[in-house]
């Protein structure tokens, strides 16, 4: 995907959601943005990943000033090692460990903002932030290629990696490489790290802690771009009936009667990314029962008890709704962000013949 001057366009999905409703949803995100620029979870903390997702959504809907305020927050809150605290409450770190996927997603946000707005000055301003963040991420890569999920406040890396996190990191590394190329500052170390990570994601499930009850572990290798083609389609078919609830969306976890809006929209994005537009639209339409009258979205619905669960509207759910609408409608220059993430997907390799160690090793 080549960056080009942005154009003013707000997504609309005919028969599902209008451009006016998308703007209303974006304003529901802006309404919870704090005075310092942070976009919190309903319980009050800010983390860099969900914060960036909300900035991307506001930018898509034309709330550029609000998005830029959020990027200023990222620049201020970044630590010397390139990471962000796991949780920040009213400007103060309450959980000080740094997550690798939080840091990597900043590159996705900055690349997305360039695509939407074409603002070169913004990219030059944020490039040092992205560079420090991805260097932090790459430093947590194991000898085999997976990237462990956090570094403690005392500097110790975690002992394991997470599939969902690494899938998102893969996209972050690819966006970082694109940013470097755009600025004439190629980053071959990031490109190599992405190649190695892509191989592990496609061929070494044993590299990751077992979180298979979560639907994110099912579709994220596709959403992040590491898996494409027949392998992606087969992966989705394997657990389709486990997670998809017709007419409602998808489950957050396989063993609970609970559908969630953010996961449903992310699955729609993953389906769109592999060209399955019909099912993408169906899943997206099905989750719209979560829409609140003010344009925000309930986090989830417990369909046995018939109750909102949790009893909250979340900015990150609203953000996922907007990003999925953009992908399905092709409204902005960033609409293909998740499709393009798979441009360099690594072909699936037989793990018995690739020569990789079957055990994790940090060297």
Protein backbone atom coordinates (compact mmCIF):
# COMPACT_ATOMS: atom_id res chain seq x y z
CA UNK A 1 0.00 0.00 0.00
CA UNK A 2 1.39 3.37 -1.00
CA UNK A 3 0.75 6.46 1.09
CA UNK A 4 -1.04 9.21 -0.76
CA UNK A 5 -2.81 12.41 0.07
CA UNK A 6 -5.87 11.70 2.18
CA UNK A 7 -9.37 12.58 1.07
CA UNK A 8 -12.35 13.55 3.16
CA UNK A 9 -14.67 10.52 3.19
CA UNK A 10 -16.64 8.92 5.99
CA UNK A 11 -17.51 5.22 5.69
CA UNK A 12 -21.05 4.01 5.19
CA UNK A 13 -22.20 0.42 4.72
CA UNK A 14 -25.48 0.47 2.77
CA UNK A 15 -28.33 -1.12 4.67
CA UNK A 16 -26.24 -1.41 7.82
CA UNK A 17 -24.81 1.93 8.95
CA UNK A 18 -24.79 5.45 7.55
CA UNK A 19 -21.97 7.98 7.42
CA UNK A 20 -23.87 10.11 9.93
CA UNK A 21 -24.04 7.16 12.32
CA UNK A 22 -20.30 6.55 11.89
CA UNK A 23 -19.58 10.15 12.88
CA UNK A 24 -21.91 9.77 15.85
CA UNK A 25 -19.97 6.68 16.92
CA UNK A 26 -16.66 8.50 16.55
CA UNK A 27 -18.00 11.32 18.70
CA UNK A 28 -18.86 8.78 21.37
CA UNK A 29 -15.14 7.94 21.47
CA UNK A 30 -14.16 11.60 21.61
CA UNK A 31 -16.63 12.08 24.46
CA UNK A 32 -14.62 9.79 26.74
CA UNK A 33 -11.20 11.09 25.63
CA UNK A 34 -9.47 12.65 28.61
CA UNK A 35 -8.12 16.18 28.68
CA UNK A 36 -4.54 14.93 28.26
CA UNK A 37 -5.51 12.99 25.09
CA UNK A 38 -5.76 9.48 26.51
CA UNK A 39 -8.72 7.30 25.50
CA UNK A 40 -9.56 5.02 28.42
CA UNK A 41 -11.31 1.73 28.92
CA UNK A 42 -14.68 2.05 30.69
CA UNK A 43 -13.01 1.30 34.05
CA UNK A 44 -10.68 4.24 33.58
CA UNK A 45 -7.23 3.04 32.49
CA UNK A 46 -5.51 3.74 29.18
CA UNK A 47 -3.36 1.21 27.34
CA UNK A 48 -1.47 2.06 24.18
CA UNK A 49 -3.06 -0.62 21.95
CA UNK A 50 -6.71 0.23 22.50
CA UNK A 51 -5.83 3.92 22.61
CA UNK A 52 -4.28 3.70 19.11
CA UNK A 53 -7.28 1.81 17.76
CA UNK A 54 -9.54 4.62 18.97
CA UNK A 55 -7.32 7.25 17.34
CA UNK A 56 -7.49 5.38 14.04
CA UNK A 57 -11.27 5.30 14.21
CA UNK A 58 -11.61 8.99 15.01
CA UNK A 59 -9.32 9.82 12.11
CA UNK A 60 -11.43 7.75 9.71
CA UNK A 61 -14.50 9.74 10.78
CA UNK A 62 -12.76 13.08 10.29
CA UNK A 63 -12.00 13.88 13.94
CA UNK A 64 -8.40 14.66 13.13
CA UNK A 65 -7.77 17.10 15.98
CA UNK A 66 -8.92 14.55 18.54
CA UNK A 67 -6.75 11.86 16.96
CA UNK A 68 -3.67 14.10 16.97
CA UNK A 69 -4.25 14.92 20.62
CA UNK A 70 -4.09 11.19 21.25
CA UNK A 71 -0.83 10.80 19.34
CA UNK A 72 0.64 13.60 21.44
CA UNK A 73 -0.35 11.52 24.48
CA UNK A 74 1.63 8.59 23.09
CA UNK A 75 4.72 10.71 22.54
CA UNK A 76 4.58 12.04 26.10
CA UNK A 77 3.90 8.71 27.77
CA UNK A 78 6.54 6.68 25.93
CA UNK A 79 9.40 5.57 28.16
CA UNK A 80 13.09 5.62 27.39
CA UNK A 81 13.11 1.93 26.45
CA UNK A 82 10.42 2.55 23.81
CA UNK A 83 7.52 1.00 25.73
CA UNK A 84 4.39 2.30 27.43
CA UNK A 85 3.09 1.32 30.86
CA UNK A 86 0.56 -1.48 30.68
CA UNK A 87 -2.02 0.74 32.37
CA UNK A 88 -2.12 4.50 32.82
CA UNK A 89 -4.75 6.19 35.00
CA UNK A 90 -5.10 9.96 34.79
CA UNK A 91 -1.57 10.28 33.46
CA UNK A 92 0.06 8.02 36.06
CA UNK A 93 1.30 4.47 35.46
CA UNK A 94 -0.58 1.99 37.63
CA UNK A 95 0.85 -1.16 36.00
CA UNK A 96 4.40 -0.52 34.90
CA UNK A 97 5.25 -3.59 32.81
CA UNK A 98 5.54 -2.93 29.07
CA UNK A 99 3.65 -5.08 26.55
CA UNK A 100 5.24 -5.81 23.18
CA UNK A 101 1.97 -5.70 21.24
CA UNK A 102 1.06 -2.32 22.76
CA UNK A 103 4.34 -0.87 21.50
CA UNK A 104 4.06 -2.45 18.05
CA UNK A 105 0.56 -1.14 17.37
CA UNK A 106 1.76 2.45 17.43
CA UNK A 107 3.39 1.80 14.03
CA UNK A 108 0.03 0.63 12.66
CA UNK A 109 -1.60 3.81 13.91
CA UNK A 110 1.02 6.14 12.46
CA UNK A 111 0.97 4.40 9.05
CA UNK A 112 -2.83 4.50 9.09
CA UNK A 113 -2.81 8.23 9.87
CA UNK A 114 -0.45 8.88 6.97
CA UNK A 115 -2.75 6.96 4.61
CA UNK A 116 -5.84 8.82 5.79
CA UNK A 117 -4.43 12.35 5.90
CA UNK A 118 -1.25 12.33 3.79
CA UNK A 119 0.35 14.50 6.50
CA UNK A 120 4.13 14.19 6.09
CA UNK A 121 4.92 16.51 9.01
CA UNK A 122 2.99 14.24 11.33
CA UNK A 123 4.94 11.18 10.22
CA UNK A 124 8.29 12.91 10.67
CA UNK A 125 7.22 13.96 14.16
CA UNK A 126 6.12 10.43 15.16
CA UNK A 127 8.95 8.51 13.49
CA UNK A 128 11.29 8.64 16.54
CA UNK A 129 8.43 7.28 18.66
CA UNK A 130 7.82 4.40 16.23
CA UNK A 131 11.53 3.62 15.94
CA UNK A 132 12.01 3.34 19.70
CA UNK A 133 8.82 1.30 20.06
CA UNK A 134 9.72 -1.30 17.43
CA UNK A 135 13.27 -1.60 18.69
CA UNK A 136 11.76 -2.46 22.09
CA UNK A 137 9.59 -5.08 20.40
CA UNK A 138 12.35 -6.72 18.37
CA UNK A 139 14.52 -6.98 21.48
CA UNK A 140 11.90 -9.37 22.91
CA UNK A 141 12.13 -11.84 20.00
CA UNK A 142 13.30 -15.35 20.83
CA UNK A 143 15.85 -17.39 18.89
CA UNK A 144 13.01 -19.23 17.14
CA UNK A 145 11.11 -16.08 16.21
CA UNK A 146 8.15 -15.59 18.53
CA UNK A 147 8.07 -12.36 20.56
CA UNK A 148 7.33 -12.65 24.27
CA UNK A 149 4.41 -10.64 25.46
CA UNK A 150 5.96 -8.26 27.98
CA UNK A 151 9.00 -6.92 29.77
CA UNK A 152 8.63 -6.34 33.50
CA UNK A 153 9.21 -2.98 35.12
CA UNK A 154 12.51 -4.40 36.41
CA UNK A 155 13.60 -5.29 32.87
CA UNK A 156 12.91 -9.05 32.78
CA UNK A 157 11.30 -10.49 29.63
CA UNK A 158 8.29 -12.76 29.96
CA UNK A 159 8.76 -16.51 29.67
CA UNK A 160 6.17 -17.06 26.95
CA UNK A 161 4.53 -15.57 23.87
CA UNK A 162 0.86 -15.09 22.99
CA UNK A 163 -0.56 -15.88 19.56
CA UNK A 164 -2.95 -12.93 19.38
CA UNK A 165 -0.29 -10.49 20.53
CA UNK A 166 2.29 -11.80 18.07
CA UNK A 167 -0.22 -11.64 15.22
CA UNK A 168 -0.79 -7.96 15.96
CA UNK A 169 2.95 -7.39 16.35
CA UNK A 170 3.47 -8.87 12.89
CA UNK A 171 1.26 -6.16 11.42
CA UNK A 172 3.06 -3.53 13.47
CA UNK A 173 6.45 -4.59 12.15
CA UNK A 174 5.22 -4.57 8.55
CA UNK A 175 3.77 -1.08 9.01
CA UNK A 176 7.03 0.05 10.60
CA UNK A 177 8.98 -1.23 7.59
CA UNK A 178 6.64 0.69 5.27
CA UNK A 179 7.11 3.86 7.30
CA UNK A 180 10.88 3.48 7.17
CA UNK A 181 10.80 2.99 3.41
CA UNK A 182 8.53 6.01 3.02
CA UNK A 183 10.96 8.16 4.99
CA UNK A 184 14.08 6.78 3.30
CA UNK A 185 15.20 5.04 6.49
CA UNK A 186 14.97 1.33 5.74
CA UNK A 187 14.83 -0.99 8.74
CA UNK A 188 16.10 -4.42 7.65
CA UNK A 189 16.17 -5.69 11.24
CA UNK A 190 12.43 -5.13 11.54
CA UNK A 191 11.83 -6.80 8.19
CA UNK A 192 13.82 -9.84 9.23
CA UNK A 193 12.02 -9.94 12.57
CA UNK A 194 8.66 -9.87 10.76
CA UNK A 195 9.71 -12.71 8.44
CA UNK A 196 10.81 -14.86 11.37
CA UNK A 197 7.68 -14.06 13.34
CA UNK A 198 5.47 -14.77 10.33
CA UNK A 199 7.04 -18.21 9.98
CA UNK A 200 6.41 -19.05 13.62
CA UNK A 201 2.82 -17.84 13.42
CA UNK A 202 2.10 -20.03 10.40
CA UNK A 203 4.07 -23.15 11.35
CA UNK A 204 4.67 -23.35 15.11
CA UNK A 205 1.53 -23.29 17.28
CA UNK A 206 3.61 -24.83 20.08
CA UNK A 207 5.46 -21.51 20.37
CA UNK A 208 2.48 -19.88 22.07
CA UNK A 209 0.64 -20.28 25.35
CA UNK A 210 -2.68 -22.06 24.89
CA UNK A 211 -5.41 -19.42 24.77
CA UNK A 212 -7.52 -21.28 22.22
CA UNK A 213 -10.78 -20.70 24.08
CA UNK A 214 -10.52 -17.06 23.02
CA UNK A 215 -11.87 -16.25 19.58
CA UNK A 216 -9.03 -13.76 19.03
CA UNK A 217 -6.53 -16.62 18.88
CA UNK A 218 -8.65 -18.10 16.09
CA UNK A 219 -8.79 -15.16 13.67
CA UNK A 220 -5.88 -12.90 14.64
CA UNK A 221 -3.21 -14.62 12.51
CA UNK A 222 -5.40 -13.63 9.55
CA UNK A 223 -6.29 -10.17 10.83
CA UNK A 224 -2.64 -9.31 11.44
CA UNK A 225 -1.60 -10.55 7.99
CA UNK A 226 0.58 -13.53 8.87
CA UNK A 227 -1.79 -16.06 7.33
CA UNK A 228 -3.42 -15.92 3.90
CA UNK A 229 -4.65 -18.24 1.16
CA UNK A 230 -5.88 -21.78 1.79
CA UNK A 231 -4.38 -21.85 5.26
CA UNK A 232 -6.43 -18.83 6.31
CA UNK A 233 -9.65 -20.23 4.90
CA UNK A 234 -9.08 -23.60 6.53
CA UNK A 235 -8.37 -21.99 9.89
CA UNK A 236 -11.62 -20.05 9.80
CA UNK A 237 -13.68 -23.09 8.81
CA UNK A 238 -12.22 -25.21 11.62
CA UNK A 239 -13.76 -23.13 14.40
CA UNK A 240 -16.53 -21.26 12.62
CA UNK A 241 -19.34 -23.12 14.39
CA UNK A 242 -17.51 -22.84 17.71
CA UNK A 243 -17.42 -19.06 17.76
CA UNK A 244 -19.98 -17.65 15.34
CA UNK A 245 -23.53 -17.16 16.66
CA UNK A 246 -25.79 -16.43 13.66
CA UNK A 247 -27.72 -13.21 14.04
CA UNK A 248 -25.67 -11.98 17.02
CA UNK A 249 -21.95 -11.89 16.18
CA UNK A 250 -19.17 -14.01 17.61
CA UNK A 251 -18.30 -15.29 21.05
CA UNK A 252 -15.43 -13.83 22.99
CA UNK A 253 -14.66 -17.24 24.49
CA UNK A 254 -15.80 -20.63 23.27
CA UNK A 255 -17.30 -21.82 26.55
CA UNK A 256 -19.59 -18.87 27.36
CA UNK A 257 -22.84 -17.67 25.73
CA UNK A 258 -21.42 -14.20 25.28
CA UNK A 259 -20.96 -12.31 22.01
CA UNK A 260 -18.78 -9.22 21.86
CA UNK A 261 -18.78 -6.35 19.41
CA UNK A 262 -15.05 -5.75 19.03
CA UNK A 263 -14.30 -9.38 18.25
CA UNK A 264 -17.20 -9.53 15.79
CA UNK A 265 -15.90 -6.49 13.90
CA UNK A 266 -12.36 -7.85 13.90
CA UNK A 267 -13.60 -11.12 12.42
CA UNK A 268 -15.37 -9.06 9.74
CA UNK A 269 -12.04 -7.35 9.03
CA UNK A 270 -10.26 -10.71 8.82
CA UNK A 271 -12.90 -12.07 6.44
CA UNK A 272 -12.67 -8.97 4.28
CA UNK A 273 -8.88 -9.32 4.25
CA UNK A 274 -9.12 -12.71 2.52
CA UNK A 275 -11.86 -11.64 0.12
CA UNK A 276 -14.79 -13.25 1.94
CA UNK A 277 -16.86 -10.09 1.67
CA UNK A 278 -20.25 -11.75 1.96
CA UNK A 279 -19.59 -13.33 5.34
CA UNK A 280 -17.75 -10.20 6.49
CA UNK A 281 -20.85 -8.13 5.83
CA UNK A 282 -23.09 -10.70 7.53
CA UNK A 283 -21.04 -10.74 10.73
CA UNK A 284 -20.85 -6.95 10.71
CA UNK A 285 -24.59 -6.62 10.25
CA UNK A 286 -25.32 -9.19 12.94
CA UNK A 287 -23.42 -7.31 15.66
CA UNK A 288 -25.34 -4.05 15.18
CA UNK A 289 -27.82 -5.03 17.92
CA UNK A 290 -25.08 -3.79 20.28
CA UNK A 291 -25.50 -0.20 19.10
CA UNK A 292 -26.61 2.24 21.81
CA UNK A 293 -28.98 5.10 21.03
CA UNK A 294 -26.15 7.63 21.49
CA UNK A 295 -23.97 5.99 18.82
CA UNK A 296 -21.70 4.13 21.23
CA UNK A 297 -21.66 0.33 21.45
CA UNK A 298 -22.22 -2.09 24.28
CA UNK A 299 -19.17 -4.29 24.83
CA UNK A 300 -21.12 -7.54 24.73
CA UNK A 301 -24.38 -9.46 25.10
CA UNK A 302 -24.95 -12.54 27.27
CA UNK A 303 -27.55 -14.26 25.14
CA UNK A 304 -28.75 -16.86 27.65
CA UNK A 305 -29.34 -14.36 30.44
CA UNK A 306 -30.32 -11.74 27.83
CA UNK A 307 -28.23 -9.03 29.46
CA UNK A 308 -25.49 -6.61 28.46
CA UNK A 309 -22.18 -7.94 29.72
CA UNK A 310 -20.28 -6.08 30.94
CA UNK A 311 -22.87 -3.39 31.58
CA UNK A 312 -20.86 -0.77 29.69
CA UNK A 313 -20.21 0.88 26.37
CA UNK A 314 -16.53 0.75 25.38
CA UNK A 315 -14.61 3.11 23.13
CA UNK A 316 -12.58 0.23 21.68
CA UNK A 317 -15.77 -1.48 20.52
CA UNK A 318 -16.92 1.71 18.82
CA UNK A 319 -13.49 1.97 17.20
CA UNK A 320 -13.68 -1.56 15.79
CA UNK A 321 -17.10 -0.75 14.31
CA UNK A 322 -15.67 2.25 12.45
CA UNK A 323 -12.57 0.46 11.16
CA UNK A 324 -14.67 -2.44 9.88
CA UNK A 325 -17.04 -0.02 8.15
CA UNK A 326 -14.09 1.60 6.40
CA UNK A 327 -12.77 -1.76 5.19
CA UNK A 328 -16.18 -2.87 3.93
CA UNK A 329 -16.93 0.41 2.19
CA UNK A 330 -13.50 1.39 0.89
CA UNK A 331 -14.17 4.96 1.96
CA UNK A 332 -10.71 6.19 2.95
CA UNK A 333 -7.20 5.56 1.60
CA UNK A 334 -6.62 3.39 4.68
CA UNK A 335 -9.55 1.06 3.99
CA UNK A 336 -7.24 -1.71 2.77
CA UNK A 337 -4.95 -1.61 5.81
CA UNK A 338 -5.81 -5.12 6.99
CA UNK A 339 -5.95 -6.62 3.50
CA UNK A 340 -2.52 -5.21 2.72
CA UNK A 341 -1.10 -6.58 5.98
CA UNK A 342 -0.93 -9.99 4.30
CA UNK A 343 1.10 -8.89 1.29
CA UNK A 344 4.24 -10.56 2.64
CA UNK A 345 2.59 -13.48 4.44
CA UNK A 346 4.99 -16.39 4.89
CA UNK A 347 3.84 -19.64 3.23
CA UNK A 348 2.92 -22.33 5.72
CA UNK A 349 5.85 -24.69 6.29
CA UNK A 350 5.85 -28.21 7.70
CA UNK A 351 7.22 -27.72 11.24
CA UNK A 352 8.81 -31.16 11.11
CA UNK A 353 11.05 -30.17 8.23
CA UNK A 354 11.78 -26.46 8.73
CA UNK A 355 14.61 -27.05 11.20
CA UNK A 356 13.26 -24.81 13.97
CA UNK A 357 13.55 -25.83 17.59
CA UNK A 358 10.35 -27.14 19.12
CA UNK A 359 11.09 -25.37 22.39
CA UNK A 360 11.27 -21.70 23.22
CA UNK A 361 14.70 -20.20 23.77
CA UNK A 362 15.72 -16.68 24.72
CA UNK A 363 19.29 -16.08 23.62
